[in-house]
PDB file of N, CA and C in Angstrom:
ATOM      1  N   MET A   1     -17.325  13.775  22.071  1.00  0.00           N
ATOM      2  CA  MET A   1     -16.534  12.806  22.063  1.00  0.00           C
ATOM      3  C   MET A   1     -16.584  11.915  20.859  1.00  0.00           C
ATOM      4  N   GLN A   2     -15.367  11.827  20.382  1.00  0.00           N
ATOM      5  CA  GLN A   2     -15.180  10.998  19.143  1.00  0.00           C
ATOM      6  C   GLN A   2     -15.205   9.368  19.543  1.00  0.00           C
ATOM      7  N   THR A   3     -16.222   8.671  18.682  1.00  0.00           N
ATOM      8  CA  THR A   3     -16.018   7.229  19.015  1.00  0.00           C
ATOM      9  C   THR A   3     -14.928   6.778  17.794  1.00  0.00           C
ATOM     10  N   GLY A   4     -14.907   5.393  18.020  1.00  0.00           N
ATOM     11  CA  GLY A   4     -13.910   4.729  17.011  1.00  0.00           C
ATOM     12  C   GLY A   4     -14.660   4.402  15.785  1.00  0.00           C
ATOM     13  N   LYS A   5     -15.983   4.596  15.748  1.00  0.00           N
ATOM     14  CA  LYS A   5     -16.693   4.331  14.613  1.00  0.00           C
ATOM     15  C   LYS A   5     -16.586   5.107  13.382  1.00  0.00           C
ATOM     16  N   ARG A   6     -16.434   4.805  12.199  1.00  0.00           N
ATOM     17  CA  ARG A   6     -16.188   6.021  11.060  1.00  0.00           C
ATOM     18  C   ARG A   6     -17.491   5.770  10.339  1.00  0.00           C
ATOM     19  N   ARG A   7     -17.690   6.839   9.640  1.00  0.00           N
ATOM     20  CA  ARG A   7     -18.939   6.764   8.614  1.00  0.00           C
ATOM     21  C   ARG A   7     -18.515   5.712   7.622  1.00  0.00           C
ATOM     22  N   ASP A   8     -19.700   5.273   6.982  1.00  0.00           N
ATOM     23  CA  ASP A   8     -19.773   4.203   5.691  1.00  0.00           C
ATOM     24  C   ASP A   8     -18.959   4.740   4.661  1.00  0.00           C
ATOM     25  N   SER A   9     -18.985   6.217   4.405  1.00  0.00           N
ATOM     26  CA  SER A   9     -18.398   6.716   3.030  1.00  0.00           C
ATOM     27  C   SER A   9     -16.714   6.761   3.520  1.00  0.00           C
ATOM     28  N   GLU A  10     -16.418   6.875   4.721  1.00  0.00           N
ATOM     29  CA  GLU A  10     -14.842   6.677   5.046  1.00  0.00           C
ATOM     30  C   GLU A  10     -14.393   5.387   5.073  1.00  0.00           C
ATOM     31  N   MET A  11     -15.082   4.368   5.525  1.00  0.00           N
ATOM     32  CA  MET A  11     -14.765   3.056   5.785  1.00  0.00           C
ATOM     33  C   MET A  11     -14.414   2.479   4.137  1.00  0.00           C
ATOM     34  N   TYR A  12     -14.883   2.781   3.330  1.00  0.00           N
ATOM     35  CA  TYR A  12     -14.857   2.018   2.261  1.00  0.00           C
ATOM     36  C   TYR A  12     -13.978   2.945   0.991  1.00  0.00           C
ATOM     37  N   ASP A  13     -13.084   4.027   1.172  1.00  0.00           N
ATOM     38  CA  ASP A  13     -12.826   4.966   0.550  1.00  0.00           C
ATOM     39  C   ASP A  13     -11.771   4.269  -0.707  1.00  0.00           C
ATOM     40  N   SER A  14     -11.464   2.986  -0.647  1.00  0.00           N
ATOM     41  CA  SER A  14     -10.724   2.365  -1.575  1.00  0.00           C
ATOM     42  C   SER A  14     -11.652   1.667  -2.584  1.00  0.00           C
ATOM     43  N   ASP A  15     -13.071   1.502  -2.073  1.00  0.00           N
ATOM     44  CA  ASP A  15     -13.922   0.765  -3.351  1.00  0.00           C
ATOM     45  C   ASP A  15     -14.114   1.844  -4.473  1.00  0.00           C
ATOM     46  N   PRO A  16     -14.152   1.009  -5.808  1.00  0.00           N
ATOM     47  CA  PRO A  16     -14.420   1.816  -7.056  1.00  0.00           C
ATOM     48  C   PRO A  16     -15.475   2.579  -7.137  1.00  0.00           C
ATOM     49  N   VAL A  17     -16.788   2.178  -6.498  1.00  0.00           N
ATOM     50  CA  VAL A  17     -18.053   2.737  -6.356  1.00  0.00           C
ATOM     51  C   VAL A  17     -18.232   3.058  -4.843  1.00  0.00           C
ATOM     52  N   GLN A  18     -18.689   4.359  -4.712  1.00  0.00           N
ATOM     53  CA  GLN A  18     -18.831   4.614  -3.332  1.00  0.00           C
ATOM     54  C   GLN A  18     -20.255   5.211  -3.083  1.00  0.00           C
ATOM     55  N   MET A  19     -20.701   4.896  -1.889  1.00  0.00           N
ATOM     56  CA  MET A  19     -22.095   5.951  -1.502  1.00  0.00           C
ATOM     57  C   MET A  19     -21.719   6.695  -0.556  1.00  0.00           C
ATOM     58  N   LYS A  20     -22.198   8.242  -0.839  1.00  0.00           N
ATOM     59  CA  LYS A  20     -21.883   9.242  -0.021  1.00  0.00           C
ATOM     60  C   LYS A  20     -23.384   9.908   0.094  1.00  0.00           C
ATOM     61  N   ASP A  21     -23.626   9.992   1.303  1.00  0.00           N
ATOM     62  CA  ASP A  21     -25.118  10.592   1.284  1.00  0.00           C
ATOM     63  C   ASP A  21     -25.981  10.371   0.271  1.00  0.00           C
ATOM     64  N   CYS A  22     -26.275   9.079   0.168  1.00  0.00           N
ATOM     65  CA  CYS A  22     -27.073   8.262  -0.662  1.00  0.00           C
ATOM     66  C   CYS A  22     -26.869   8.513  -2.087  1.00  0.00           C
ATOM     67  N   VAL A  23     -25.793   9.065  -2.579  1.00  0.00           N
ATOM     68  CA  VAL A  23     -25.383   9.349  -3.823  1.00  0.00           C
ATOM     69  C   VAL A  23     -24.431   8.458  -4.269  1.00  0.00           C
ATOM     70  N   VAL A  24     -24.532   7.851  -5.272  1.00  0.00           N
ATOM     71  CA  VAL A  24     -23.372   6.729  -5.996  1.00  0.00           C
ATOM     72  C   VAL A  24     -22.510   7.754  -6.505  1.00  0.00           C
ATOM     73  N   GLU A  25     -21.192   7.342  -6.115  1.00  0.00           N
ATOM     74  CA  GLU A  25     -19.942   8.260  -6.815  1.00  0.00           C
ATOM     75  C   GLU A  25     -19.155   7.196  -7.641  1.00  0.00           C
ATOM     76  N   LEU A  26     -19.289   7.499  -9.072  1.00  0.00           N
ATOM     77  CA  LEU A  26     -18.595   6.441  -9.795  1.00  0.00           C
ATOM     78  C   LEU A  26     -17.033   6.995  -9.869  1.00  0.00           C
ATOM     79  N   PRO A  27     -16.140   5.832 -10.071  1.00  0.00           N
ATOM     80  CA  PRO A  27     -14.859   5.943 -10.319  1.00  0.00           C
ATOM     81  C   PRO A  27     -14.607   6.942 -11.598  1.00  0.00           C
ATOM     82  N   PRO A  28     -13.238   7.333 -11.425  1.00  0.00           N
ATOM     83  CA  PRO A  28     -12.898   8.200 -12.612  1.00  0.00           C
ATOM     84  C   PRO A  28     -12.728   7.278 -14.017  1.00  0.00           C
ATOM     85  N   PRO A  29     -12.568   8.218 -14.973  1.00  0.00           N
ATOM     86  CA  PRO A  29     -12.868   7.550 -16.346  1.00  0.00           C
ATOM     87  C   PRO A  29     -11.587   6.465 -16.655  1.00  0.00           C
ATOM     88  N   ASP A  30     -10.497   6.727 -16.040  1.00  0.00           N
ATOM     89  CA  ASP A  30      -9.460   5.537 -16.476  1.00  0.00           C
ATOM     90  C   ASP A  30      -9.588   4.490 -15.614  1.00  0.00           C
ATOM     91  N   GLN A  31     -10.678   4.464 -14.505  1.00  0.00           N
ATOM     92  CA  GLN A  31     -10.945   2.941 -13.816  1.00  0.00           C
ATOM     93  C   GLN A  31     -12.285   2.594 -14.227  1.00  0.00           C
ATOM     94  N   LEU A  32     -13.200   3.472 -14.775  1.00  0.00           N
ATOM     95  CA  LEU A  32     -14.563   2.767 -15.029  1.00  0.00           C
ATOM     96  C   LEU A  32     -14.699   2.103 -16.311  1.00  0.00           C
ATOM     97  N   GLY A  33     -14.998   1.107 -16.485  1.00  0.00           N
ATOM     98  CA  GLY A  33     -15.139   0.313 -17.716  1.00  0.00           C
ATOM     99  C   GLY A  33     -13.835  -0.155 -18.334  1.00  0.00           C
ATOM    100  N   ALA A  34     -12.806  -0.221 -17.532  1.00  0.00           N
ATOM    101  CA  ALA A  34     -11.415  -0.630 -17.906  1.00  0.00           C
ATOM    102  C   ALA A  34     -10.970   0.322 -19.037  1.00  0.00           C
ATOM    103  N   GLY A  35     -11.106   1.699 -18.534  1.00  0.00           N
ATOM    104  CA  GLY A  35     -10.675   2.866 -19.377  1.00  0.00           C
ATOM    105  C   GLY A  35     -11.415   3.207 -20.524  1.00  0.00           C
ATOM    106  N   HIS A  36     -12.684   2.545 -20.607  1.00  0.00           N
ATOM    107  CA  HIS A  36     -13.750   2.984 -21.868  1.00  0.00           C
ATOM    108  C   HIS A  36     -14.882   2.881 -21.369  1.00  0.00           C
ATOM    109  N   PRO A  37     -15.079   4.254 -20.524  1.00  0.00           N
ATOM    110  CA  PRO A  37     -16.384   4.545 -19.695  1.00  0.00           C
ATOM    111  C   PRO A  37     -17.557   4.606 -20.590  1.00  0.00           C
ATOM    112  N   PHE A  38     -17.446   5.145 -21.848  1.00  0.00           N
ATOM    113  CA  PHE A  38     -18.650   5.355 -22.675  1.00  0.00           C
ATOM    114  C   PHE A  38     -19.312   4.210 -22.978  1.00  0.00           C
ATOM    115  N   LEU A  39     -18.815   3.063 -23.206  1.00  0.00           N
ATOM    116  CA  LEU A  39     -19.196   1.926 -23.404  1.00  0.00           C
ATOM    117  C   LEU A  39     -20.035   1.229 -22.462  1.00  0.00           C
ATOM    118  N   LEU A  40     -19.806   1.531 -21.106  1.00  0.00           N
ATOM    119  CA  LEU A  40     -20.856   1.410 -20.254  1.00  0.00           C
ATOM    120  C   LEU A  40     -22.183   2.141 -20.126  1.00  0.00           C
ATOM    121  N   PHE A  41     -21.962   3.416 -20.415  1.00  0.00           N
ATOM    122  CA  PHE A  41     -22.910   4.338 -20.600  1.00  0.00           C
ATOM    123  C   PHE A  41     -24.010   3.917 -21.826  1.00  0.00           C
ATOM    124  N   LEU A  42     -23.416   3.130 -22.791  1.00  0.00           N
ATOM    125  CA  LEU A  42     -24.059   2.841 -24.053  1.00  0.00           C
ATOM    126  C   LEU A  42     -24.907   1.542 -23.572  1.00  0.00           C
ATOM    127  N   CYS A  43     -24.181   0.803 -22.834  1.00  0.00           N
ATOM    128  CA  CYS A  43     -24.991  -0.433 -22.281  1.00  0.00           C
ATOM    129  C   CYS A  43     -26.098  -0.200 -21.374  1.00  0.00           C
ATOM    130  N   PHE A  44     -25.875   0.710 -20.591  1.00  0.00           N
ATOM    131  CA  PHE A  44     -27.003   1.122 -19.656  1.00  0.00           C
ATOM    132  C   PHE A  44     -28.074   1.710 -20.595  1.00  0.00           C
ATOM    133  N   SER A  45     -27.930   2.644 -21.520  1.00  0.00           N
ATOM    134  CA  SER A  45     -28.942   3.274 -22.280  1.00  0.00           C
ATOM    135  C   SER A  45     -29.586   2.007 -23.046  1.00  0.00           C
ATOM    136  N   LEU A  46     -29.003   1.068 -23.490  1.00  0.00           N
ATOM    137  CA  LEU A  46     -29.728  -0.067 -24.130  1.00  0.00           C
ATOM    138  C   LEU A  46     -30.542  -0.745 -23.147  1.00  0.00           C
ATOM    139  N   LEU A  47     -29.849  -1.045 -22.062  1.00  0.00           N
ATOM    140  CA  LEU A  47     -30.886  -1.589 -20.937  1.00  0.00           C
ATOM    141  C   LEU A  47     -32.167  -0.720 -20.642  1.00  0.00           C
ATOM    142  N   LYS A  48     -31.944   0.541 -20.578  1.00  0.00           N
ATOM    143  CA  LYS A  48     -33.056   1.558 -20.157  1.00  0.00           C
ATOM    144  C   LYS A  48     -34.130   1.409 -21.419  1.00  0.00           C
ATOM    145  N   GLU A  49     -33.531   1.316 -22.672  1.00  0.00           N
ATOM    146  CA  GLU A  49     -34.485   1.384 -23.783  1.00  0.00           C
ATOM    147  C   GLU A  49     -35.310   0.329 -23.771  1.00  0.00           C
ATOM    148  N   TYR A  50     -34.949  -0.815 -23.474  1.00  0.00           N
ATOM    149  CA  TYR A  50     -35.820  -2.213 -23.354  1.00  0.00           C
ATOM    150  C   TYR A  50     -36.111  -2.721 -22.126  1.00  0.00           C
ATOM    151  N   LYS A  51     -35.974  -1.687 -20.968  1.00  0.00           N
ATOM    152  CA  LYS A  51     -36.230  -2.306 -19.749  1.00  0.00           C
ATOM    153  C   LYS A  51     -37.591  -2.997 -19.358  1.00  0.00           C
ATOM    154  N   ASP A  52     -38.592  -2.502 -20.069  1.00  0.00           N
ATOM    155  CA  ASP A  52     -39.895  -3.111 -19.492  1.00  0.00           C
ATOM    156  C   ASP A  52     -40.166  -4.472 -20.384  1.00  0.00           C
ATOM    157  N   GLU A  53     -39.486  -4.444 -21.609  1.00  0.00           N
ATOM    158  CA  GLU A  53     -39.525  -5.599 -22.035  1.00  0.00           C
ATOM    159  C   GLU A  53     -38.688  -6.773 -21.782  1.00  0.00           C
ATOM    160  N   LEU A  54     -37.582  -6.296 -21.260  1.00  0.00           N
ATOM    161  CA  LEU A  54     -36.774  -7.494 -20.594  1.00  0.00           C
ATOM    162  C   LEU A  54     -37.377  -7.937 -19.411  1.00  0.00           C
ATOM    163  N   MET A  55     -37.588  -6.905 -18.492  1.00  0.00           N
ATOM    164  CA  MET A  55     -38.358  -7.337 -17.242  1.00  0.00           C
ATOM    165  C   MET A  55     -39.594  -8.326 -17.187  1.00  0.00           C
ATOM    166  N   ARG A  56     -40.008  -8.279 -18.713  1.00  0.00           N
ATOM    167  CA  ARG A  56     -41.439  -9.161 -18.870  1.00  0.00           C
ATOM    168  C   ARG A  56     -41.014 -10.662 -19.264  1.00  0.00           C
ATOM    169  N   THR A  57     -39.663 -10.548 -20.303  1.00  0.00           N
ATOM    170  CA  THR A  57     -39.398 -11.867 -21.164  1.00  0.00           C
ATOM    171  C   THR A  57     -38.167 -12.207 -20.575  1.00  0.00           C
ATOM    172  N   VAL A  58     -37.414 -11.793 -19.736  1.00  0.00           N
ATOM    173  CA  VAL A  58     -36.136 -12.610 -19.293  1.00  0.00           C
ATOM    174  C   VAL A  58     -36.501 -13.449 -18.067  1.00  0.00           C
ATOM    175  N   GLN A  59     -35.956 -14.514 -18.187  1.00  0.00           N
ATOM    176  CA  GLN A  59     -35.995 -15.565 -17.036  1.00  0.00           C
ATOM    177  C   GLN A  59     -34.785 -15.975 -16.812  1.00  0.00           C
ATOM    178  N   ASP A  60     -33.742 -15.948 -17.657  1.00  0.00           N
ATOM    179  CA  ASP A  60     -32.443 -16.578 -17.410  1.00  0.00           C
ATOM    180  C   ASP A  60     -31.456 -15.544 -18.192  1.00  0.00           C
ATOM    181  N   PRO A  61     -30.249 -15.367 -17.785  1.00  0.00           N
ATOM    182  CA  PRO A  61     -29.041 -14.312 -18.246  1.00  0.00           C
ATOM    183  C   PRO A  61     -29.108 -14.627 -19.533  1.00  0.00           C
ATOM    184  N   THR A  62     -29.136 -15.969 -20.206  1.00  0.00           N
ATOM    185  CA  THR A  62     -28.678 -16.016 -21.649  1.00  0.00           C
ATOM    186  C   THR A  62     -30.115 -15.492 -22.598  1.00  0.00           C
ATOM    187  N   ASP A  63     -31.242 -15.182 -21.903  1.00  0.00           N
ATOM    188  CA  ASP A  63     -32.563 -14.702 -22.476  1.00  0.00           C
ATOM    189  C   ASP A  63     -32.054 -13.137 -22.760  1.00  0.00           C
ATOM    190  N   VAL A  64     -31.255 -12.475 -22.038  1.00  0.00           N
ATOM    191  CA  VAL A  64     -30.706 -11.087 -22.442  1.00  0.00           C
ATOM    192  C   VAL A  64     -30.189 -10.999 -23.814  1.00  0.00           C
ATOM    193  N   ILE A  65     -29.061 -11.929 -23.730  1.00  0.00           N
ATOM    194  CA  ILE A  65     -28.373 -12.314 -25.091  1.00  0.00           C
ATOM    195  C   ILE A  65     -28.965 -12.657 -26.389  1.00  0.00           C
ATOM    196  N   HIS A  66     -29.942 -13.401 -26.011  1.00  0.00           N
ATOM    197  CA  HIS A  66     -31.045 -13.808 -27.191  1.00  0.00           C
ATOM    198  C   HIS A  66     -31.775 -12.723 -27.577  1.00  0.00           C
ATOM    199  N   PHE A  67     -32.263 -11.793 -26.563  1.00  0.00           N
ATOM    200  CA  PHE A  67     -33.292 -10.869 -26.839  1.00  0.00           C
ATOM    201  C   PHE A  67     -32.406  -9.811 -27.761  1.00  0.00           C
ATOM    202  N   TYR A  68     -31.303  -9.511 -27.432  1.00  0.00           N
ATOM    203  CA  TYR A  68     -30.399  -8.454 -28.080  1.00  0.00           C
ATOM    204  C   TYR A  68     -30.129  -8.943 -29.428  1.00  0.00           C
ATOM    205  N   GLN A  69     -30.023 -10.048 -29.564  1.00  0.00           N
ATOM    206  CA  GLN A  69     -29.651 -10.637 -30.774  1.00  0.00           C
ATOM    207  C   GLN A  69     -30.834 -10.613 -31.739  1.00  0.00           C
ATOM    208  N   SER A  70     -31.936 -10.870 -31.419  1.00  0.00           N
ATOM    209  CA  SER A  70     -33.242 -10.771 -31.992  1.00  0.00           C
ATOM    210  C   SER A  70     -33.496  -9.248 -32.372  1.00  0.00           C
ATOM    211  N   MET A  71     -33.014  -8.422 -31.822  1.00  0.00           N
ATOM    212  CA  MET A  71     -33.289  -6.890 -31.966  1.00  0.00           C
ATOM    213  C   MET A  71     -32.317  -6.522 -32.928  1.00  0.00           C
ATOM    214  N   LYS A  72     -31.335  -7.323 -33.377  1.00  0.00           N
ATOM    215  CA  LYS A  72     -30.176  -6.731 -34.342  1.00  0.00           C
ATOM    216  C   LYS A  72     -30.759  -5.997 -35.395  1.00  0.00           C
ATOM    217  N   LYS A  73     -30.215  -4.764 -35.737  1.00  0.00           N
ATOM    218  CA  LYS A  73     -30.648  -3.835 -36.748  1.00  0.00           C
ATOM    219  C   LYS A  73     -31.940  -3.150 -36.643  1.00  0.00           C
ATOM    220  N   ARG A  74     -32.556  -3.301 -35.383  1.00  0.00           N
ATOM    221  CA  ARG A  74     -34.001  -2.698 -35.251  1.00  0.00           C
ATOM    222  C   ARG A  74     -34.156  -1.659 -34.154  1.00  0.00           C
ATOM    223  N   HIS A  75     -32.702  -1.380 -33.375  1.00  0.00           N
ATOM    224  CA  HIS A  75     -32.662  -0.582 -32.639  1.00  0.00           C
ATOM    225  C   HIS A  75     -32.833   0.794 -33.027  1.00  0.00           C
ATOM    226  N   ASP A  76     -33.519   1.821 -32.294  1.00  0.00           N
ATOM    227  CA  ASP A  76     -33.396   3.254 -32.543  1.00  0.00           C
ATOM    228  C   ASP A  76     -31.881   3.689 -32.071  1.00  0.00           C
ATOM    229  N   ALA A  77     -30.978   3.428 -32.975  1.00  0.00           N
ATOM    230  CA  ALA A  77     -29.529   3.984 -32.597  1.00  0.00           C
ATOM    231  C   ALA A  77     -29.449   5.225 -32.139  1.00  0.00           C
ATOM    232  N   ILE A  78     -30.339   6.110 -32.931  1.00  0.00           N
ATOM    233  CA  ILE A  78     -30.187   7.537 -32.582  1.00  0.00           C
ATOM    234  C   ILE A  78     -30.470   7.835 -31.205  1.00  0.00           C
ATOM    235  N   LYS A  79     -31.693   7.543 -30.705  1.00  0.00           N
ATOM    236  CA  LYS A  79     -32.207   7.573 -29.479  1.00  0.00           C
ATOM    237  C   LYS A  79     -31.072   7.111 -28.302  1.00  0.00           C
ATOM    238  N   ILE A  80     -30.705   5.986 -28.861  1.00  0.00           N
ATOM    239  CA  ILE A  80     -30.091   5.026 -27.586  1.00  0.00           C
ATOM    240  C   ILE A  80     -28.427   5.891 -27.533  1.00  0.00           C
ATOM    241  N   LEU A  81     -28.034   5.959 -28.589  1.00  0.00           N
ATOM    242  CA  LEU A  81     -26.537   6.681 -28.479  1.00  0.00           C
ATOM    243  C   LEU A  81     -26.736   8.176 -28.008  1.00  0.00           C
ATOM    244  N   ASN A  82     -27.968   9.037 -28.085  1.00  0.00           N
ATOM    245  CA  ASN A  82     -27.992  10.298 -27.679  1.00  0.00           C
ATOM    246  C   ASN A  82     -28.261  10.187 -26.201  1.00  0.00           C
ATOM    247  N   ARG A  83     -28.844   9.199 -25.637  1.00  0.00           N
ATOM    248  CA  ARG A  83     -29.236   9.160 -24.174  1.00  0.00           C
ATOM    249  C   ARG A  83     -27.589   8.923 -23.371  1.00  0.00           C
ATOM    250  N   ALA A  84     -26.737   7.862 -24.147  1.00  0.00           N
ATOM    251  CA  ALA A  84     -25.584   7.484 -23.669  1.00  0.00           C
ATOM    252  C   ALA A  84     -24.638   8.780 -23.743  1.00  0.00           C
ATOM    253  N   ARG A  85     -24.771   9.489 -24.599  1.00  0.00           N
ATOM    254  CA  ARG A  85     -24.033  10.752 -24.732  1.00  0.00           C
ATOM    255  C   ARG A  85     -24.134  11.557 -23.551  1.00  0.00           C
ATOM    256  N   ARG A  86     -25.558  11.828 -23.282  1.00  0.00           N
ATOM    257  CA  ARG A  86     -25.903  12.638 -22.323  1.00  0.00           C
ATOM    258  C   ARG A  86     -25.506  12.419 -21.038  1.00  0.00           C
ATOM    259  N   LEU A  87     -25.758  11.048 -20.744  1.00  0.00           N
ATOM    260  CA  LEU A  87     -25.325  10.144 -19.439  1.00  0.00           C
ATOM    261  C   LEU A  87     -23.903  10.510 -19.346  1.00  0.00           C
ATOM    262  N   PHE A  88     -23.095  10.061 -20.206  1.00  0.00           N
ATOM    263  CA  PHE A  88     -21.615  10.395 -20.290  1.00  0.00           C
ATOM    264  C   PHE A  88     -21.060  11.770 -20.156  1.00  0.00           C
ATOM    265  N   ASP A  89     -21.763  12.735 -20.903  1.00  0.00           N
ATOM    266  CA  ASP A  89     -21.375  14.217 -20.668  1.00  0.00           C
ATOM    267  C   ASP A  89     -21.491  14.601 -19.211  1.00  0.00           C
ATOM    268  N   ARG A  90     -22.791  14.088 -18.975  1.00  0.00           N
ATOM    269  CA  ARG A  90     -23.022  14.581 -17.117  1.00  0.00           C
ATOM    270  C   ARG A  90     -21.916  13.688 -16.381  1.00  0.00           C
ATOM    271  N   TYR A  91     -21.590  12.564 -16.443  1.00  0.00           N
ATOM    272  CA  TYR A  91     -20.655  12.027 -15.872  1.00  0.00           C
ATOM    273  C   TYR A  91     -19.202  12.707 -15.908  1.00  0.00           C
ATOM    274  N   MET A  92     -18.986  13.046 -16.911  1.00  0.00           N
ATOM    275  CA  MET A  92     -17.561  13.795 -17.350  1.00  0.00           C
ATOM    276  C   MET A  92     -17.739  15.243 -16.598  1.00  0.00           C
ATOM    277  N   ARG A  93     -18.683  15.956 -16.775  1.00  0.00           N
ATOM    278  CA  ARG A  93     -18.861  17.329 -15.906  1.00  0.00           C
ATOM    279  C   ARG A  93     -18.816  16.790 -14.395  1.00  0.00           C
ATOM    280  N   ASP A  94     -19.331  15.897 -13.799  1.00  0.00           N
ATOM    281  CA  ASP A  94     -19.023  15.410 -12.305  1.00  0.00           C
ATOM    282  C   ASP A  94     -17.811  15.142 -12.150  1.00  0.00           C
ATOM    283  N   GLN A  95     -17.076  14.576 -13.009  1.00  0.00           N
ATOM    284  CA  GLN A  95     -15.613  14.336 -12.789  1.00  0.00           C
ATOM    285  C   GLN A  95     -14.768  15.528 -12.657  1.00  0.00           C
ATOM    286  N   ASP A  96     -15.200  16.376 -13.578  1.00  0.00           N
ATOM    287  CA  ASP A  96     -14.218  17.749 -13.640  1.00  0.00           C
ATOM    288  C   ASP A  96     -14.473  18.418 -12.272  1.00  0.00           C
ATOM    289  N   ILE A  97     -16.020  18.423 -11.738  1.00  0.00           N
ATOM    290  CA  ILE A  97     -16.265  19.305 -10.818  1.00  0.00           C
ATOM    291  C   ILE A  97     -15.455  18.553  -9.551  1.00  0.00           C
ATOM    292  N   ARG A  98     -15.736  17.256  -9.532  1.00  0.00           N
ATOM    293  CA  ARG A  98     -14.956  16.469  -8.274  1.00  0.00           C
ATOM    294  C   ARG A  98     -13.263  16.726  -8.456  1.00  0.00           C
ATOM    295  N   ILE A  99     -12.537  16.901  -9.586  1.00  0.00           N
ATOM    296  CA  ILE A  99     -11.017  17.018  -9.585  1.00  0.00           C
ATOM    297  C   ILE A  99     -10.794  18.657  -9.252  1.00  0.00           C
ATOM    298  N   LYS A 100     -11.789  19.375  -9.573  1.00  0.00           N
ATOM    299  CA  LYS A 100     -11.661  20.669  -9.152  1.00  0.00           C
ATOM    300  C   LYS A 100     -11.678  21.112  -7.484  1.00  0.00           C
ATOM    301  N   ARG A 101     -12.871  20.380  -7.161  1.00  0.00           N
ATOM    302  CA  ARG A 101     -13.132  20.449  -5.540  1.00  0.00           C
ATOM    303  C   ARG A 101     -11.785  19.774  -4.635  1.00  0.00           C
ATOM    304  N   LEU A 102     -11.259  18.650  -5.272  1.00  0.00           N
ATOM    305  CA  LEU A 102      -9.937  18.081  -4.765  1.00  0.00           C
ATOM    306  C   LEU A 102      -8.799  18.949  -4.860  1.00  0.00           C
ATOM    307  N   PHE A 103      -8.675  19.508  -6.083  1.00  0.00           N
ATOM    308  CA  PHE A 103      -7.535  20.291  -6.638  1.00  0.00           C
ATOM    309  C   PHE A 103      -7.781  21.825  -6.790  1.00  0.00           C
ATOM    310  N   PRO A 104      -8.408  22.241  -5.851  1.00  0.00           N
ATOM    311  CA  PRO A 104      -8.646  23.682  -6.337  1.00  0.00           C
ATOM    312  C   PRO A 104      -7.712  24.958  -6.787  1.00  0.00           C
ATOM    313  N   GLU A 105      -6.417  24.639  -6.369  1.00  0.00           N
ATOM    314  CA  GLU A 105      -5.470  25.567  -6.780  1.00  0.00           C
ATOM    315  C   GLU A 105      -4.666  25.315  -8.340  1.00  0.00           C
ATOM    316  N   VAL A 106      -5.393  24.122  -8.748  1.00  0.00           N
ATOM    317  CA  VAL A 106      -4.755  23.720 -10.130  1.00  0.00           C
ATOM    318  C   VAL A 106      -5.894  23.872 -10.965  1.00  0.00           C
ATOM    319  N   SER A 107      -5.541  24.822 -12.163  1.00  0.00           N
ATOM    320  CA  SER A 107      -6.353  24.986 -13.231  1.00  0.00           C
ATOM    321  C   SER A 107      -6.187  24.044 -14.283  1.00  0.00           C
ATOM    322  N   PHE A 108      -7.391  23.382 -14.822  1.00  0.00           N
ATOM    323  CA  PHE A 108      -7.390  22.368 -15.944  1.00  0.00           C
ATOM    324  C   PHE A 108      -8.031  22.668 -17.040  1.00  0.00           C
TER     325      PHE A 108
END
């Protein structure tokens, strides 16, 4: 017997970020980051790089800005960019798989 209750993933299909079986499904590239999704992955890579230090020192949102300004020209740019590229590549592969699942008869 079907109840009137829908699963959480069905209730919020219009939300840009969805939880499906405890996995976050990111929106497509044209919606993520106002059409510039790589920048979000670059920002995430920067946060990940300095996570421990940020957690130790940041007390206020303006502290984050101050921290990154103080790190100017001292970032390990290669490491940060490579991590961002890997994450972005995985995101794009996941998007391709998602499109192929939604439209199996169309070849891209």
